[in-house]
C-alpha atoms as a PDB file:
ATOM      1  CA  MET A   1      13.544  -2.436 -44.118  1.00  0.00           C
ATOM      2  CA  ALA A   2      13.074  -5.873 -43.120  1.00  0.00           C
ATOM      3  CA  ARG A   3      13.106  -5.994 -39.212  1.00  0.00           C
ATOM      4  CA  ALA A   4      16.296  -7.145 -37.725  1.00  0.00           C
ATOM      5  CA  THR A   5      16.651 -10.874 -36.492  1.00  0.00           C
ATOM      6  CA  ILE A   6      18.556 -12.483 -33.831  1.00  0.00           C
ATOM      7  CA  ALA A   7      21.028 -13.996 -36.500  1.00  0.00           C
ATOM      8  CA  ASP A   8      21.740 -10.019 -37.469  1.00  0.00           C
ATOM      9  CA  VAL A   9      22.590  -9.500 -33.925  1.00  0.00           C
ATOM     10  CA  ALA A  10      24.954 -12.305 -33.507  1.00  0.00           C
ATOM     11  CA  LYS A  11      26.840 -11.194 -36.712  1.00  0.00           C
ATOM     12  CA  LEU A  12      27.007  -7.717 -35.751  1.00  0.00           C
ATOM     13  CA  ALA A  13      28.232  -8.567 -32.120  1.00  0.00           C
ATOM     14  CA  GLY A  14      30.558 -11.393 -33.246  1.00  0.00           C
ATOM     15  CA  VAL A  15      29.092 -14.155 -31.328  1.00  0.00           C
ATOM     16  CA  SER A  16      26.774 -17.085 -31.506  1.00  0.00           C
ATOM     17  CA  GLN A  17      22.672 -16.477 -31.712  1.00  0.00           C
ATOM     18  CA  ALA A  18      22.617 -18.571 -28.614  1.00  0.00           C
ATOM     19  CA  THR A  19      24.847 -16.189 -26.831  1.00  0.00           C
ATOM     20  CA  VAL A  20      22.517 -13.321 -28.019  1.00  0.00           C
ATOM     21  CA  SER A  21      19.399 -15.023 -26.928  1.00  0.00           C
ATOM     22  CA  ARG A  22      21.312 -16.118 -23.132  1.00  0.00           C
ATOM     23  CA  ALA A  23      22.641 -12.088 -23.042  1.00  0.00           C
ATOM     24  CA  LEU A  24      19.255 -10.709 -23.866  1.00  0.00           C
ATOM     25  CA  ARG A  25      17.523 -12.912 -21.114  1.00  0.00           C
ATOM     26  CA  GLY A  26      20.219 -11.926 -18.737  1.00  0.00           C
ATOM     27  CA  ILE A  27      21.232 -15.624 -17.842  1.00  0.00           C
ATOM     28  CA  ASP A  28      24.726 -15.556 -15.908  1.00  0.00           C
ATOM     29  CA  LYS A  29      26.716 -17.861 -18.477  1.00  0.00           C
ATOM     30  CA  VAL A  30      27.496 -14.340 -20.553  1.00  0.00           C
ATOM     31  CA  THR A  31      30.786 -12.322 -19.564  1.00  0.00           C
ATOM     32  CA  PRO A  32      29.871  -8.457 -18.945  1.00  0.00           C
ATOM     33  CA  ALA A  33      31.814  -7.685 -21.849  1.00  0.00           C
ATOM     34  CA  THR A  34      30.064 -10.017 -24.126  1.00  0.00           C
ATOM     35  CA  ARG A  35      26.578  -8.655 -23.161  1.00  0.00           C
ATOM     36  CA  ARG A  36      27.495  -5.313 -23.153  1.00  0.00           C
ATOM     37  CA  LYS A  37      28.596  -6.480 -26.981  1.00  0.00           C
ATOM     38  CA  VAL A  38      25.308  -7.817 -27.632  1.00  0.00           C
ATOM     39  CA  LEU A  39      23.358  -5.087 -26.071  1.00  0.00           C
ATOM     40  CA  ASP A  40      25.004  -2.607 -28.496  1.00  0.00           C
ATOM     41  CA  ALA A  41      24.418  -4.361 -31.229  1.00  0.00           C
ATOM     42  CA  ALA A  42      20.974  -4.776 -30.493  1.00  0.00           C
ATOM     43  CA  ASP A  43      20.393  -1.138 -29.866  1.00  0.00           C
ATOM     44  CA  ARG A  44      21.859  -0.240 -33.208  1.00  0.00           C
ATOM     45  CA  LEU A  45      19.777  -2.678 -35.120  1.00  0.00           C
ATOM     46  CA  ASN A  46      16.294  -1.655 -32.863  1.00  0.00           C
ATOM     47  CA  PHE A  47      15.958  -5.590 -32.207  1.00  0.00           C
ATOM     48  CA  THR A  48      13.848  -6.928 -29.061  1.00  0.00           C
ATOM     49  CA  LEU A  49      13.873 -10.119 -27.994  1.00  0.00           C
ATOM     50  CA  LEU A  50      10.373 -11.250 -28.391  1.00  0.00           C
ATOM     51  CA  LYS A  51       8.790 -11.597 -24.540  1.00  0.00           C
ATOM     52  CA  SER A  52       7.071 -14.885 -25.364  1.00  0.00           C
ATOM     53  CA  ALA A  53       9.821 -16.546 -27.306  1.00  0.00           C
ATOM     54  CA  SER A  54      12.195 -15.890 -23.957  1.00  0.00           C
ATOM     55  CA  ALA A  55       9.423 -16.850 -21.558  1.00  0.00           C
ATOM     56  CA  LEU A  56       9.041 -20.055 -23.724  1.00  0.00           C
ATOM     57  CA  ALA A  57      12.905 -20.507 -23.186  1.00  0.00           C
ATOM     58  CA  SER A  58      13.340 -19.591 -19.461  1.00  0.00           C
ATOM     59  CA  GLY A  59      10.327 -20.819 -17.532  1.00  0.00           C
ATOM     60  CA  LYS A  60       9.279 -17.402 -16.491  1.00  0.00           C
ATOM     61  CA  THR A  61       6.542 -14.830 -18.083  1.00  0.00           C
ATOM     62  CA  MET A  62       8.448 -11.821 -16.768  1.00  0.00           C
ATOM     63  CA  ARG A  63       5.230 -10.690 -15.387  1.00  0.00           C
ATOM     64  CA  ILE A  64       4.512  -9.770 -11.900  1.00  0.00           C
ATOM     65  CA  ILE A  65       1.007  -8.991 -10.679  1.00  0.00           C
ATOM     66  CA  LEU A  66       0.232  -6.500  -8.145  1.00  0.00           C
ATOM     67  CA  LEU A  67      -2.980  -7.306  -6.456  1.00  0.00           C
ATOM     68  CA  SER A  68      -4.591  -4.308  -4.630  1.00  0.00           C
ATOM     69  CA  SER A  69      -7.794  -4.167  -2.256  1.00  0.00           C
ATOM     70  CA  GLY A  70     -10.022  -0.870  -3.460  1.00  0.00           C
ATOM     71  CA  LYS A  71      -9.790   0.641  -7.125  1.00  0.00           C
ATOM     72  CA  LEU A  72      -6.692   0.995  -9.038  1.00  0.00           C
ATOM     73  CA  ASN A  73      -7.010   4.810  -9.500  1.00  0.00           C
ATOM     74  CA  GLU A  74      -7.240   5.726  -5.796  1.00  0.00           C
ATOM     75  CA  TRP A  75      -4.141   7.401  -4.188  1.00  0.00           C
ATOM     76  CA  PHE A  76      -2.440   4.896  -2.560  1.00  0.00           C
ATOM     77  CA  ASN A  77      -3.144   2.107  -5.191  1.00  0.00           C
ATOM     78  CA  SER A  78      -1.990   4.439  -7.678  1.00  0.00           C
ATOM     79  CA  ASN A  79       1.397   5.273  -6.252  1.00  0.00           C
ATOM     80  CA  VAL A  80       2.386   1.693  -5.196  1.00  0.00           C
ATOM     81  CA  LEU A  81       1.590   0.433  -9.104  1.00  0.00           C
ATOM     82  CA  GLN A  82       3.987   3.591  -9.968  1.00  0.00           C
ATOM     83  CA  GLY A  83       6.545   2.599  -7.519  1.00  0.00           C
ATOM     84  CA  ALA A  84       6.590  -1.212  -8.906  1.00  0.00           C
ATOM     85  CA  TYR A  85       6.550  -0.004 -12.212  1.00  0.00           C
ATOM     86  CA  GLU A  86       9.731   2.271 -11.957  1.00  0.00           C
ATOM     87  CA  VAL A  87      11.747  -0.594 -10.424  1.00  0.00           C
ATOM     88  CA  LEU A  88      10.271  -3.920 -12.518  1.00  0.00           C
ATOM     89  CA  THR A  89      10.058  -2.460 -15.677  1.00  0.00           C
ATOM     90  CA  PRO A  90      13.754  -1.785 -16.536  1.00  0.00           C
ATOM     91  CA  GLU A  91      14.551  -5.377 -15.224  1.00  0.00           C
ATOM     92  CA  GLY A  92      12.109  -6.520 -18.014  1.00  0.00           C
ATOM     93  CA  TYR A  93       9.009  -7.540 -16.206  1.00  0.00           C
ATOM     94  CA  ASP A  94       5.781  -6.266 -17.188  1.00  0.00           C
ATOM     95  CA  VAL A  95       3.575  -5.450 -13.945  1.00  0.00           C
ATOM     96  CA  SER A  96       0.057  -6.617 -14.588  1.00  0.00           C
ATOM     97  CA  PRO A  97      -2.556  -4.700 -11.855  1.00  0.00           C
ATOM     98  CA  ALA A  98      -5.461  -6.521 -10.796  1.00  0.00           C
ATOM     99  CA  SER A  99      -7.976  -5.129  -7.871  1.00  0.00           C
ATOM    100  CA  ILE A 100     -10.567  -7.094  -5.710  1.00  0.00           C
ATOM    101  CA  ILE A 101     -13.431  -5.352  -3.563  1.00  0.00           C
ATOM    102  CA  GLY A 102     -14.588  -7.749  -0.777  1.00  0.00           C
ATOM    103  CA  LYS A 103     -14.105 -11.431   0.064  1.00  0.00           C
ATOM    104  CA  ASP A 104     -16.286 -12.550  -2.726  1.00  0.00           C
ATOM    105  CA  GLU A 105     -14.111 -11.203  -5.237  1.00  0.00           C
ATOM    106  CA  ALA A 106     -10.752 -12.325  -3.531  1.00  0.00           C
ATOM    107  CA  ASP A 107     -11.921 -15.874  -3.429  1.00  0.00           C
ATOM    108  CA  HIS A 108     -13.011 -16.062  -6.808  1.00  0.00           C
ATOM    109  CA  TYR A 109      -9.623 -14.335  -8.058  1.00  0.00           C
ATOM    110  CA  PHE A 110      -7.626 -16.911  -5.966  1.00  0.00           C
ATOM    111  CA  ALA A 111      -9.523 -20.007  -7.357  1.00  0.00           C
ATOM    112  CA  GLU A 112      -8.672 -19.063 -10.618  1.00  0.00           C
ATOM    113  CA  LEU A 113      -5.129 -18.208 -10.101  1.00  0.00           C
ATOM    114  CA  PRO A 114      -3.602 -21.766 -10.199  1.00  0.00           C
ATOM    115  CA  LYS A 115      -5.649 -22.593 -13.452  1.00  0.00           C
ATOM    116  CA  ASN A 116      -3.905 -19.495 -15.094  1.00  0.00           C
ATOM    117  CA  ARG A 117      -0.525 -19.607 -13.730  1.00  0.00           C
ATOM    118  CA  ASN A 118       0.698 -16.466 -15.582  1.00  0.00           C
ATOM    119  CA  ALA A 119       2.807 -14.628 -13.372  1.00  0.00           C
ATOM    120  CA  ASP A 120       6.208 -15.182 -11.814  1.00  0.00           C
ATOM    121  CA  ALA A 121       5.373 -13.479  -8.520  1.00  0.00           C
ATOM    122  CA  ILE A 122       2.535 -11.702  -6.844  1.00  0.00           C
ATOM    123  CA  ILE A 123       2.589  -8.374  -4.842  1.00  0.00           C
ATOM    124  CA  ILE A 124      -0.731  -8.016  -2.196  1.00  0.00           C
ATOM    125  CA  SER A 125      -1.331  -4.933  -1.080  1.00  0.00           C
ATOM    126  CA  SER A 126      -3.440  -3.813   1.912  1.00  0.00           C
ATOM    127  CA  PHE A 127      -5.310  -6.970   2.587  1.00  0.00           C
ATOM    128  CA  GLN A 128      -4.508 -10.252   4.540  1.00  0.00           C
ATOM    129  CA  LEU A 129      -4.604 -13.595   2.527  1.00  0.00           C
ATOM    130  CA  ASP A 130      -6.595 -15.865   4.616  1.00  0.00           C
ATOM    131  CA  ALA A 131      -5.736 -19.801   5.006  1.00  0.00           C
ATOM    132  CA  ALA A 132      -7.071 -20.614   1.555  1.00  0.00           C
ATOM    133  CA  MET A 133      -5.531 -17.831  -0.194  1.00  0.00           C
ATOM    134  CA  ARG A 134      -1.943 -19.225   1.168  1.00  0.00           C
ATOM    135  CA  GLU A 135      -2.730 -22.607   0.132  1.00  0.00           C
ATOM    136  CA  ARG A 136      -3.335 -21.812  -3.083  1.00  0.00           C
ATOM    137  CA  LEU A 137      -0.419 -19.735  -3.668  1.00  0.00           C
ATOM    138  CA  LYS A 138       1.560 -22.349  -1.679  1.00  0.00           C
ATOM    139  CA  ALA A 139       0.425 -25.081  -4.353  1.00  0.00           C
ATOM    140  CA  ILE A 140       1.874 -22.937  -7.847  1.00  0.00           C
ATOM    141  CA  ASP A 141       4.966 -22.163  -5.711  1.00  0.00           C
ATOM    142  CA  MET A 142       4.817 -18.202  -6.474  1.00  0.00           C
ATOM    143  CA  PRO A 143       6.618 -15.608  -4.100  1.00  0.00           C
ATOM    144  CA  THR A 144       4.501 -13.384  -2.676  1.00  0.00           C
ATOM    145  CA  ILE A 145       5.019  -9.773  -1.731  1.00  0.00           C
ATOM    146  CA  GLY A 146       3.347  -7.738   0.693  1.00  0.00           C
ATOM    147  CA  VAL A 147       2.264  -4.101   0.931  1.00  0.00           C
ATOM    148  CA  ASN A 148       0.999  -2.731   3.923  1.00  0.00           C
ATOM    149  CA  ILE A 149      -0.261  -6.635   4.622  1.00  0.00           C
ATOM    150  CA  PRO A 150      -1.481  -6.313   8.299  1.00  0.00           C
ATOM    151  CA  SER A 151       0.598  -9.995   9.188  1.00  0.00           C
ATOM    152  CA  GLU A 152       3.931 -10.703   7.926  1.00  0.00           C
ATOM    153  CA  SER A 153       3.400 -14.499   8.089  1.00  0.00           C
ATOM    154  CA  SER A 154       1.319 -14.155   5.248  1.00  0.00           C
ATOM    155  CA  CYS A 155       4.223 -13.416   2.785  1.00  0.00           C
ATOM    156  CA  ASP A 156       7.493 -14.150   1.872  1.00  0.00           C
ATOM    157  CA  ALA A 157       8.370 -10.547   2.020  1.00  0.00           C
ATOM    158  CA  SER A 158       6.679  -7.512   3.125  1.00  0.00           C
ATOM    159  CA  VAL A 159       7.122  -3.763   3.350  1.00  0.00           C
ATOM    160  CA  GLY A 160       4.462  -1.382   5.510  1.00  0.00           C
ATOM    161  CA  ILE A 161       3.953   1.795   7.231  1.00  0.00           C
ATOM    162  CA  ASP A 162       4.049   1.119  10.974  1.00  0.00           C
ATOM    163  CA  ASN A 163       0.643   1.896  12.058  1.00  0.00           C
ATOM    164  CA  PHE A 164       1.582   1.631  15.760  1.00  0.00           C
ATOM    165  CA  ASP A 165       4.170   4.163  15.449  1.00  0.00           C
ATOM    166  CA  GLY A 166       2.281   6.611  13.629  1.00  0.00           C
ATOM    167  CA  MET A 167      -0.614   6.545  15.807  1.00  0.00           C
ATOM    168  CA  SER A 168       1.233   7.215  18.761  1.00  0.00           C
ATOM    169  CA  LYS A 169       2.938  10.386  17.242  1.00  0.00           C
ATOM    170  CA  ALA A 170      -0.685  11.522  17.086  1.00  0.00           C
ATOM    171  CA  VAL A 171      -1.964  10.568  20.225  1.00  0.00           C
ATOM    172  CA  ARG A 172       1.569  12.410  21.455  1.00  0.00           C
ATOM    173  CA  LEU A 173       0.613  15.234  19.716  1.00  0.00           C
ATOM    174  CA  LEU A 174      -2.270  15.908  21.376  1.00  0.00           C
ATOM    175  CA  LYS A 175      -1.665  15.333  24.623  1.00  0.00           C
ATOM    176  CA  SER A 176       0.941  18.034  24.161  1.00  0.00           C
ATOM    177  CA  LEU A 177      -1.289  20.291  23.380  1.00  0.00           C
ATOM    178  CA  GLY A 178      -3.313  19.449  26.320  1.00  0.00           C
ATOM    179  CA  HIS A 179      -6.344  17.637  25.137  1.00  0.00           C
ATOM    180  CA  GLU A 180      -7.964  15.260  27.838  1.00  0.00           C
ATOM    181  CA  ARG A 181     -10.285  13.924  25.785  1.00  0.00           C
ATOM    182  CA  ILE A 182      -9.761  12.487  22.493  1.00  0.00           C
ATOM    183  CA  ALA A 183     -11.771   9.976  20.349  1.00  0.00           C
ATOM    184  CA  PHE A 184     -10.774   7.691  17.330  1.00  0.00           C
ATOM    185  CA  ALA A 185     -13.082   7.628  14.551  1.00  0.00           C
ATOM    186  CA  ILE A 186     -13.300   4.630  12.359  1.00  0.00           C
ATOM    187  CA  ASP A 187     -13.959   4.225   8.364  1.00  0.00           C
ATOM    188  CA  TYR A 188     -16.668   2.565   7.307  1.00  0.00           C
ATOM    189  CA  ILE A 189     -15.512  -0.379   5.330  1.00  0.00           C
ATOM    190  CA  PRO A 190     -16.510  -4.324   4.541  1.00  0.00           C
ATOM    191  CA  GLN A 191     -15.495  -6.428   7.755  1.00  0.00           C
ATOM    192  CA  ASP A 192     -15.572  -9.730   5.675  1.00  0.00           C
ATOM    193  CA  MET A 193     -11.703  -9.455   5.324  1.00  0.00           C
ATOM    194  CA  VAL A 194      -8.767  -7.900   7.583  1.00  0.00           C
ATOM    195  CA  TYR A 195      -7.112  -4.580   5.965  1.00  0.00           C
ATOM    196  CA  ASN A 196      -4.536  -3.070   6.630  1.00  0.00           C
ATOM    197  CA  THR A 197      -6.090   0.396   8.115  1.00  0.00           C
ATOM    198  CA  SER A 198      -7.960  -1.931  10.625  1.00  0.00           C
ATOM    199  CA  GLN A 199      -5.023  -2.079  12.723  1.00  0.00           C
ATOM    200  CA  ARG A 200      -4.811   1.677  13.562  1.00  0.00           C
ATOM    201  CA  THR A 201      -7.995   0.779  16.120  1.00  0.00           C
ATOM    202  CA  GLU A 202      -5.800  -1.397  17.714  1.00  0.00           C
ATOM    203  CA  ALA A 203      -2.898   1.397  17.822  1.00  0.00           C
ATOM    204  CA  PHE A 204      -5.032   3.964  18.826  1.00  0.00           C
ATOM    205  CA  LEU A 205      -6.029   2.026  22.055  1.00  0.00           C
ATOM    206  CA  GLU A 206      -2.381   1.227  22.563  1.00  0.00           C
ATOM    207  CA  ALA A 207      -1.225   4.905  22.200  1.00  0.00           C
ATOM    208  CA  VAL A 208      -3.945   5.999  24.775  1.00  0.00           C
ATOM    209  CA  GLU A 209      -3.001   3.706  27.573  1.00  0.00           C
ATOM    210  CA  GLN A 210       1.066   4.610  26.839  1.00  0.00           C
ATOM    211  CA  ASN A 211      -0.264   8.322  27.342  1.00  0.00           C
ATOM    212  CA  GLY A 212      -2.074   7.789  30.376  1.00  0.00           C
ATOM    213  CA  TYR A 213      -5.414   8.608  29.434  1.00  0.00           C
ATOM    214  CA  GLY A 214      -8.101   6.554  31.106  1.00  0.00           C
ATOM    215  CA  GLU A 215     -11.644   4.993  29.906  1.00  0.00           C
ATOM    216  CA  ASP A 216     -12.991   8.390  30.473  1.00  0.00           C
ATOM    217  CA  GLY A 217     -10.415  10.347  28.237  1.00  0.00           C
ATOM    218  CA  ALA A 218     -10.575   7.881  25.150  1.00  0.00           C
ATOM    219  CA  ALA A 219     -13.371   6.892  22.775  1.00  0.00           C
ATOM    220  CA  ILE A 220     -13.996   5.096  19.693  1.00  0.00           C
ATOM    221  CA  VAL A 221     -16.679   5.718  17.052  1.00  0.00           C
ATOM    222  CA  SER A 222     -17.740   3.724  14.407  1.00  0.00           C
ATOM    223  CA  ALA A 223     -20.902   4.089  11.920  1.00  0.00           C
ATOM    224  CA  ASP A 224     -23.823   1.162  12.418  1.00  0.00           C
ATOM    225  CA  GLU A 225     -23.947  -1.551  10.005  1.00  0.00           C
ATOM    226  CA  HIS A 226     -25.720  -0.767   6.530  1.00  0.00           C
ATOM    227  CA  PRO A 227     -26.792  -2.852   3.955  1.00  0.00           C
ATOM    228  CA  GLN A 228     -25.297  -0.946   1.278  1.00  0.00           C
ATOM    229  CA  SER A 229     -21.883   1.099   1.445  1.00  0.00           C
ATOM    230  CA  MET A 230     -22.075   4.895   2.566  1.00  0.00           C
ATOM    231  CA  SER A 231     -20.537   7.971   1.057  1.00  0.00           C
ATOM    232  CA  ARG A 232     -17.908  10.115   3.034  1.00  0.00           C
ATOM    233  CA  PRO A 233     -20.533  12.612   3.703  1.00  0.00           C
ATOM    234  CA  GLN A 234     -22.969   9.965   5.166  1.00  0.00           C
ATOM    235  CA  LEU A 235     -20.544   8.554   7.159  1.00  0.00           C
ATOM    236  CA  ALA A 236     -19.088  11.851   8.652  1.00  0.00           C
ATOM    237  CA  ALA A 237     -22.629  12.759   9.523  1.00  0.00           C
ATOM    238  CA  GLU A 238     -22.968   9.671  11.716  1.00  0.00           C
ATOM    239  CA  LEU A 239     -19.653   9.773  13.253  1.00  0.00           C
ATOM    240  CA  VAL A 240     -20.068  13.482  13.944  1.00  0.00           C
ATOM    241  CA  ALA A 241     -23.272  12.469  15.487  1.00  0.00           C
ATOM    242  CA  LYS A 242     -21.771   9.777  17.743  1.00  0.00           C
ATOM    243  CA  LEU A 243     -19.092  12.126  18.624  1.00  0.00           C
ATOM    244  CA  LEU A 244     -21.322  15.045  20.108  1.00  0.00           C
ATOM    245  CA  SER A 245     -23.859  12.536  21.662  1.00  0.00           C
ATOM    246  CA  LEU A 246     -20.848  11.000  24.019  1.00  0.00           C
ATOM    247  CA  PRO A 247     -21.021  11.909  27.699  1.00  0.00           C
ATOM    248  CA  GLN A 248     -18.362  14.549  27.337  1.00  0.00           C
ATOM    249  CA  ARG A 249     -17.580  15.689  23.993  1.00  0.00           C
ATOM    250  CA  PRO A 250     -13.720  15.069  22.822  1.00  0.00           C
ATOM    251  CA  THR A 251     -11.667  18.219  21.827  1.00  0.00           C
ATOM    252  CA  ALA A 252      -9.562  16.263  19.323  1.00  0.00           C
ATOM    253  CA  VAL A 253     -10.239  13.112  17.297  1.00  0.00           C
ATOM    254  CA  CYS A 254      -7.917  10.949  15.505  1.00  0.00           C
ATOM    255  CA  VAL A 255      -9.121   9.587  12.018  1.00  0.00           C
ATOM    256  CA  GLU A 256      -8.677   6.371  10.223  1.00  0.00           C
ATOM    257  CA  THR A 257      -7.927   7.959   6.861  1.00  0.00           C
ATOM    258  CA  ASP A 258      -7.486  11.365   5.554  1.00  0.00           C
ATOM    259  CA  GLN A 259     -10.586  11.029   3.177  1.00  0.00           C
ATOM    260  CA  VAL A 260     -12.846  10.480   6.092  1.00  0.00           C
ATOM    261  CA  ALA A 261     -10.960  13.153   8.158  1.00  0.00           C
ATOM    262  CA  ILE A 262     -11.619  15.829   5.619  1.00  0.00           C
ATOM    263  CA  ALA A 263     -15.283  14.660   5.816  1.00  0.00           C
ATOM    264  CA  LEU A 264     -15.441  15.133   8.905  1.00  0.00           C
ATOM    265  CA  VAL A 265     -14.163  18.444   9.514  1.00  0.00           C
ATOM    266  CA  LYS A 266     -16.970  19.710   6.832  1.00  0.00           C
ATOM    267  CA  GLU A 267     -19.417  17.923   8.811  1.00  0.00           C
ATOM    268  CA  LEU A 268     -18.018  19.537  12.395  1.00  0.00           C
ATOM    269  CA  LYS A 269     -18.415  22.890  10.652  1.00  0.00           C
ATOM    270  CA  HIS A 270     -21.976  22.323   9.491  1.00  0.00           C
ATOM    271  CA  GLN A 271     -22.708  21.941  13.094  1.00  0.00           C
ATOM    272  CA  HIS A 272     -21.120  25.085  13.939  1.00  0.00           C
ATOM    273  CA  LEU A 273     -17.967  23.783  15.552  1.00  0.00           C
ATOM    274  CA  ARG A 274     -14.614  25.443  14.782  1.00  0.00           C
ATOM    275  CA  VAL A 275     -11.697  23.341  13.726  1.00  0.00           C
ATOM    276  CA  PRO A 276      -9.098  23.340  15.347  1.00  0.00           C
ATOM    277  CA  GLU A 277     -10.810  26.114  17.926  1.00  0.00           C
ATOM    278  CA  ASP A 278     -13.462  23.911  19.193  1.00  0.00           C
ATOM    279  CA  ILE A 279     -11.798  20.621  18.184  1.00  0.00           C
ATOM    280  CA  SER A 280      -8.699  19.295  16.710  1.00  0.00           C
ATOM    281  CA  VAL A 281      -8.511  16.394  13.748  1.00  0.00           C
ATOM    282  CA  ILE A 282      -5.617  14.562  12.727  1.00  0.00           C
ATOM    283  CA  GLY A 283      -5.754  12.108   9.455  1.00  0.00           C
ATOM    284  CA  PHE A 284      -3.519   9.416   8.532  1.00  0.00           C
ATOM    285  CA  ASP A 285      -2.005   8.752   5.094  1.00  0.00           C
ATOM    286  CA  ASP A 286      -1.039  12.142   3.693  1.00  0.00           C
ATOM    287  CA  ALA A 287      -3.023  11.435   0.744  1.00  0.00           C
ATOM    288  CA  ASP A 288      -3.083  14.363  -1.835  1.00  0.00           C
ATOM    289  CA  ILE A 289      -6.049  15.913  -0.657  1.00  0.00           C
ATOM    290  CA  ALA A 290      -4.468  16.518   2.628  1.00  0.00           C
ATOM    291  CA  GLU A 291      -2.476  19.225   1.828  1.00  0.00           C
ATOM    292  CA  ALA A 292      -4.931  20.846  -0.043  1.00  0.00           C
ATOM    293  CA  ALA A 293      -7.016  20.747   3.101  1.00  0.00           C
ATOM    294  CA  ASP A 294      -4.610  21.596   5.339  1.00  0.00           C
ATOM    295  CA  LEU A 295      -5.283  18.593   7.402  1.00  0.00           C
ATOM    296  CA  THR A 296      -2.680  17.515   9.995  1.00  0.00           C
ATOM    297  CA  THR A 297      -2.177  13.985   9.379  1.00  0.00           C
ATOM    298  CA  ILE A 298       0.371  10.969   9.640  1.00  0.00           C
ATOM    299  CA  ARG A 299       2.227  10.674   6.349  1.00  0.00           C
ATOM    300  CA  GLN A 300       3.035   7.390   4.802  1.00  0.00           C
ATOM    301  CA  ASN A 301       4.684   7.046   1.022  1.00  0.00           C
ATOM    302  CA  PRO A 302       3.313   4.517  -1.073  1.00  0.00           C
ATOM    303  CA  LEU A 303       5.494   5.469  -3.997  1.00  0.00           C
ATOM    304  CA  GLU A 304       8.326   3.976  -1.984  1.00  0.00           C
ATOM    305  CA  LEU A 305       6.212   1.148  -0.596  1.00  0.00           C
ATOM    306  CA  GLY A 306       5.891   0.182  -4.173  1.00  0.00           C
ATOM    307  CA  ARG A 307       9.675   0.876  -5.165  1.00  0.00           C
ATOM    308  CA  ALA A 308      10.699  -1.739  -2.136  1.00  0.00           C
ATOM    309  CA  ALA A 309       8.143  -4.579  -2.729  1.00  0.00           C
ATOM    310  CA  ALA A 310       9.292  -4.540  -6.253  1.00  0.00           C
ATOM    311  CA  ARG A 311      13.016  -4.610  -5.059  1.00  0.00           C
ATOM    312  CA  LYS A 312      12.078  -7.695  -2.342  1.00  0.00           C
ATOM    313  CA  THR A 313      10.324  -9.282  -5.511  1.00  0.00           C
ATOM    314  CA  LEU A 314      13.669  -9.394  -7.504  1.00  0.00           C
ATOM    315  CA  GLN A 315      15.661 -10.882  -4.734  1.00  0.00           C
ATOM    316  CA  LEU A 316      13.166 -13.721  -4.429  1.00  0.00           C
ATOM    317  CA  LEU A 317      12.923 -14.474  -7.928  1.00  0.00           C
ATOM    318  CA  LYS A 318      17.029 -14.321  -8.315  1.00  0.00           C
ATOM    319  CA  ASP A 319      17.190 -16.385  -5.292  1.00  0.00           C
ATOM    320  CA  GLU A 320      19.129 -13.558  -3.167  1.00  0.00           C
ATOM    321  CA  PRO A 321      18.994 -12.941  -0.016  1.00  0.00           C
ATOM    322  CA  VAL A 322      16.074 -10.395   0.922  1.00  0.00           C
ATOM    323  CA  ASP A 323      17.488  -7.114   2.636  1.00  0.00           C
ATOM    324  CA  ASP A 324      15.267  -6.577   5.519  1.00  0.00           C
ATOM    325  CA  PRO A 325      12.425  -9.335   4.606  1.00  0.00           C
ATOM    326  CA  HIS A 326       9.451  -7.770   6.627  1.00  0.00           C
ATOM    327  CA  GLU A 327      10.049  -3.973   6.552  1.00  0.00           C
ATOM    328  CA  ALA A 328       8.412  -1.303   8.239  1.00  0.00           C
ATOM    329  CA  GLN A 329       8.202   2.111   6.907  1.00  0.00           C
ATOM    330  CA  GLU A 330       8.430   5.120   9.400  1.00  0.00           C
ATOM    331  CA  PRO A 331       5.678   7.069   9.812  1.00  0.00           C
ATOM    332  CA  VAL A 332       5.622  11.096   9.378  1.00  0.00           C
ATOM    333  CA  LEU A 333       3.762  13.607  11.576  1.00  0.00           C
ATOM    334  CA  VAL A 334       2.607  16.641   9.300  1.00  0.00           C
ATOM    335  CA  LEU A 335       1.464  19.555  10.939  1.00  0.00           C
ATOM    336  CA  ARG A 336      -0.909  21.770   9.459  1.00  0.00           C
ATOM    337  CA  ASP A 337      -4.139  23.883  10.200  1.00  0.00           C
ATOM    338  CA  THR A 338      -6.856  21.588  11.792  1.00  0.00           C
ATOM    339  CA  THR A 339      -4.849  20.906  15.299  1.00  0.00           C
ATOM    340  CA  GLY A 340      -4.641  23.240  18.284  1.00  0.00           C
ATOM    341  CA  ARG A 341      -3.526  23.905  21.750  1.00  0.00           C
ATOM    342  CA  ALA A 342      -7.116  22.633  23.678  1.00  0.00           C
ATOM    343  CA  THR A 343      -8.786  25.474  25.558  1.00  0.00           C
ATOM    344  CA  ARG A 344      -8.708  25.802  29.167  1.00  0.00           C
ATOM    345  CA  ASP A 345     -12.600  25.447  29.586  1.00  0.00           C
ATOM    346  CA  GLU A 346     -12.146  22.466  27.001  1.00  0.00           C
ATOM    347  CA  ALA A 347      -9.204  21.095  28.999  1.00  0.00           C
END
């Protein structure tokens, strides 16, 4: 059977071919009733307007870039992608995922972007745009939407977790459990760019001050500089060694991410420390592995972050007012088995 044409759809719907084209491309000059007739006719004939032809006529590519830091198959990135896909695909947009690791890759990506203007908007996930990147986006007039962007000023709209609220909830929990000496363990990531998780150190410092911890009551530990990346077990071993070398061992530790927190718990047990009896541990993110590890953590919802970013993208592309342009998602404290009350000797 020959493939249906736009003329076939027009004949079945009783309208002109131009009306069919406008209806299928979502142009406003078509009444809802007429659009419904065209869509029904196209459905009966299994007709799909080629996106390339539609893009050529409308000046749109019908493609949205989702640029993430880190690997696309990581828990956070894959969930953001799924959320964006759920919202954008029904609207006729393709989601084009891309990833960068480190500043060199980011610089190369943005240097090539103006030469290959192949998207209508770009969603940036979890890293800060520097001045050069912002200038390149401005030059091609591409709407930019942030997901967990450290600074709102980089983007036309953004949505992200409130790291300060999340860390405040973690520290308040430890305070309520009687922990008088606490610490924060930093993930080992390249320092050539500003990432969302970097904000959590500042959030911890603010939270300990608000909860009355003095200089002797709170510490920050991080790995030394290494020429190459570190595995999670290597990082955990170094962090635990530094925790145990403090003048007074903390009775609880907040950790920048769940992945590091779980590795830290394992290393603490290797050092014959019980969790949470000897030391409590709180992660951050509530990644899939957190529940399996019974890790107390701060939950964020990357699936909903992706959906919210996609909704804002559509509003920008339609020149509509953006609902809550820079939206903060409220984090949730999830209590599991790695936190407990400080013993009298510890406190």
